[in-house]
N, C-alpha and C. Protein backbone atom coordinates (compact mmCIF):
# COMPACT_ATOMS: atom_id res chain seq x y z
N MET A 1 -89.06 -50.65 8.02
CA MET A 1 -88.29 -49.51 8.50
C MET A 1 -89.02 -48.93 9.72
N PRO A 2 -88.25 -48.65 10.77
CA PRO A 2 -88.88 -48.11 11.99
C PRO A 2 -89.52 -46.75 11.75
N ARG A 3 -90.51 -46.49 12.55
CA ARG A 3 -91.26 -45.24 12.41
C ARG A 3 -90.38 -44.01 12.65
N LEU A 4 -89.50 -44.08 13.64
CA LEU A 4 -88.62 -42.94 13.92
C LEU A 4 -87.66 -42.67 12.76
N ALA A 5 -87.24 -43.72 12.08
CA ALA A 5 -86.36 -43.54 10.92
C ALA A 5 -87.12 -42.85 9.78
N LEU A 6 -88.37 -43.20 9.61
CA LEU A 6 -89.18 -42.53 8.59
C LEU A 6 -89.39 -41.06 8.91
N TYR A 7 -89.66 -40.77 10.18
CA TYR A 7 -89.82 -39.37 10.58
C TYR A 7 -88.53 -38.59 10.34
N ALA A 8 -87.40 -39.20 10.66
CA ALA A 8 -86.12 -38.53 10.46
C ALA A 8 -85.86 -38.29 8.97
N LEU A 9 -86.25 -39.23 8.12
CA LEU A 9 -86.08 -39.04 6.68
C LEU A 9 -86.98 -37.92 6.15
N VAL A 10 -88.18 -37.82 6.69
CA VAL A 10 -89.07 -36.73 6.28
C VAL A 10 -88.49 -35.39 6.70
N VAL A 11 -87.97 -35.31 7.91
CA VAL A 11 -87.34 -34.07 8.36
C VAL A 11 -86.13 -33.74 7.51
N CYS A 12 -85.37 -34.75 7.13
CA CYS A 12 -84.20 -34.54 6.27
C CYS A 12 -84.62 -33.97 4.92
N ALA A 13 -85.64 -34.55 4.32
CA ALA A 13 -86.10 -34.07 3.02
C ALA A 13 -86.63 -32.64 3.10
N LEU A 14 -87.37 -32.34 4.15
CA LEU A 14 -87.89 -30.99 4.32
C LEU A 14 -86.77 -29.99 4.58
N ALA A 15 -85.75 -30.40 5.32
CA ALA A 15 -84.63 -29.50 5.59
C ALA A 15 -83.83 -29.23 4.32
N VAL A 16 -83.68 -30.23 3.48
CA VAL A 16 -82.98 -30.02 2.21
C VAL A 16 -83.77 -29.07 1.32
N ALA A 17 -85.07 -29.25 1.28
CA ALA A 17 -85.90 -28.34 0.48
C ALA A 17 -85.82 -26.91 1.03
N ALA A 18 -85.85 -26.77 2.34
CA ALA A 18 -85.74 -25.44 2.94
C ALA A 18 -84.38 -24.81 2.66
N ALA A 19 -83.33 -25.62 2.67
CA ALA A 19 -81.99 -25.10 2.37
C ALA A 19 -81.90 -24.61 0.94
N VAL A 20 -82.46 -25.38 0.02
CA VAL A 20 -82.43 -24.97 -1.39
C VAL A 20 -83.19 -23.66 -1.57
N ILE A 21 -84.36 -23.57 -0.99
CA ILE A 21 -85.17 -22.35 -1.11
C ILE A 21 -84.43 -21.16 -0.48
N SER A 22 -83.81 -21.41 0.66
CA SER A 22 -83.09 -20.34 1.35
C SER A 22 -81.91 -19.84 0.52
N PHE A 23 -81.15 -20.76 -0.05
CA PHE A 23 -80.00 -20.36 -0.87
C PHE A 23 -80.44 -19.68 -2.16
N VAL A 24 -81.54 -20.12 -2.74
CA VAL A 24 -82.05 -19.47 -3.95
C VAL A 24 -82.46 -18.04 -3.66
N ASN A 25 -83.01 -17.82 -2.47
CA ASN A 25 -83.42 -16.47 -2.08
C ASN A 25 -82.24 -15.61 -1.64
N GLY A 26 -81.05 -16.18 -1.58
CA GLY A 26 -79.86 -15.42 -1.23
C GLY A 26 -79.60 -15.30 0.26
N SER A 27 -80.22 -16.14 1.05
CA SER A 27 -80.04 -16.09 2.50
C SER A 27 -79.05 -17.18 2.92
N PHE A 28 -78.20 -16.83 3.87
CA PHE A 28 -77.25 -17.81 4.37
C PHE A 28 -77.80 -18.62 5.54
N VAL A 29 -79.07 -18.45 5.84
CA VAL A 29 -79.72 -19.27 6.86
C VAL A 29 -79.80 -20.72 6.38
N GLY A 30 -79.63 -20.92 5.08
CA GLY A 30 -79.63 -22.27 4.53
C GLY A 30 -78.57 -23.16 5.13
N ILE A 31 -77.51 -22.56 5.66
CA ILE A 31 -76.46 -23.36 6.31
C ILE A 31 -77.04 -24.11 7.50
N VAL A 32 -77.92 -23.46 8.24
CA VAL A 32 -78.57 -24.12 9.38
C VAL A 32 -79.42 -25.29 8.90
N TRP A 33 -80.12 -25.10 7.78
CA TRP A 33 -80.95 -26.17 7.23
C TRP A 33 -80.09 -27.34 6.76
N VAL A 34 -78.93 -27.05 6.20
CA VAL A 34 -78.03 -28.13 5.77
C VAL A 34 -77.55 -28.93 6.98
N LEU A 35 -77.21 -28.23 8.04
CA LEU A 35 -76.78 -28.92 9.26
C LEU A 35 -77.90 -29.77 9.84
N LEU A 36 -79.13 -29.25 9.81
CA LEU A 36 -80.27 -30.02 10.29
C LEU A 36 -80.52 -31.25 9.42
N ALA A 37 -80.32 -31.10 8.12
CA ALA A 37 -80.48 -32.24 7.21
C ALA A 37 -79.44 -33.32 7.52
N GLY A 38 -78.22 -32.91 7.79
CA GLY A 38 -77.19 -33.88 8.14
C GLY A 38 -77.49 -34.59 9.44
N LEU A 39 -77.94 -33.86 10.42
CA LEU A 39 -78.29 -34.45 11.71
C LEU A 39 -79.43 -35.45 11.58
N SER A 40 -80.47 -35.07 10.87
CA SER A 40 -81.62 -35.98 10.74
C SER A 40 -81.28 -37.19 9.88
N SER A 41 -80.38 -37.01 8.91
CA SER A 41 -79.93 -38.16 8.12
C SER A 41 -79.19 -39.17 9.00
N ASN A 42 -78.32 -38.67 9.86
CA ASN A 42 -77.60 -39.56 10.78
C ASN A 42 -78.55 -40.24 11.74
N MET A 43 -79.57 -39.53 12.18
CA MET A 43 -80.56 -40.14 13.08
C MET A 43 -81.31 -41.26 12.37
N ALA A 44 -81.64 -41.05 11.10
CA ALA A 44 -82.35 -42.09 10.35
C ALA A 44 -81.48 -43.34 10.22
N TRP A 45 -80.20 -43.15 9.88
CA TRP A 45 -79.30 -44.30 9.77
C TRP A 45 -79.17 -45.02 11.11
N TYR A 46 -79.11 -44.26 12.20
CA TYR A 46 -78.99 -44.86 13.52
C TYR A 46 -80.19 -45.75 13.83
N TYR A 47 -81.38 -45.24 13.58
CA TYR A 47 -82.58 -46.01 13.89
C TYR A 47 -82.71 -47.24 12.99
N VAL A 48 -82.30 -47.13 11.75
CA VAL A 48 -82.33 -48.30 10.86
C VAL A 48 -81.35 -49.36 11.33
N ARG A 49 -80.12 -48.93 11.66
CA ARG A 49 -79.12 -49.91 12.12
C ARG A 49 -79.51 -50.53 13.46
N ARG A 50 -80.11 -49.73 14.35
CA ARG A 50 -80.53 -50.26 15.64
C ARG A 50 -81.63 -51.31 15.47
N ALA A 51 -82.58 -51.03 14.60
CA ALA A 51 -83.66 -52.00 14.36
C ALA A 51 -83.12 -53.27 13.72
N ARG A 52 -82.17 -53.12 12.80
CA ARG A 52 -81.57 -54.28 12.16
C ARG A 52 -80.80 -55.13 13.18
N ALA A 53 -80.07 -54.47 14.08
CA ALA A 53 -79.32 -55.21 15.11
C ALA A 53 -80.26 -55.91 16.08
N GLU A 54 -81.36 -55.25 16.43
CA GLU A 54 -82.33 -55.89 17.33
C GLU A 54 -82.99 -57.08 16.67
N LYS A 55 -83.26 -56.97 15.37
CA LYS A 55 -83.86 -58.08 14.65
C LYS A 55 -82.91 -59.27 14.58
N GLU A 56 -81.62 -59.01 14.32
CA GLU A 56 -80.64 -60.08 14.28
C GLU A 56 -80.43 -60.72 15.65
N ALA A 57 -80.46 -59.91 16.70
CA ALA A 57 -80.30 -60.45 18.05
C ALA A 57 -81.50 -61.32 18.43
N ALA A 58 -82.68 -60.91 18.01
CA ALA A 58 -83.87 -61.71 18.30
C ALA A 58 -83.85 -63.02 17.51
N ALA A 59 -83.33 -62.98 16.30
CA ALA A 59 -83.29 -64.19 15.48
C ALA A 59 -82.26 -65.18 16.00
N SER A 60 -81.16 -64.69 16.55
CA SER A 60 -80.12 -65.60 17.03
C SER A 60 -80.43 -66.14 18.43
N ALA A 61 -81.32 -65.48 19.15
CA ALA A 61 -81.63 -65.93 20.52
C ALA A 61 -82.69 -67.01 20.54
């Protein structure tokens, strides 16, 4: 797994934890954390798919 995908997954996990803590405390700032978790999750998938496509292109060439 690419390093950037791992970083994005770590950010996603931390954002989810921050959202849970924020909602438990009664703050609606957790919505921002949920959006950040979604963004970082999509970034992780992008980097994984890009690395997989590059690996397949290198194998076929």
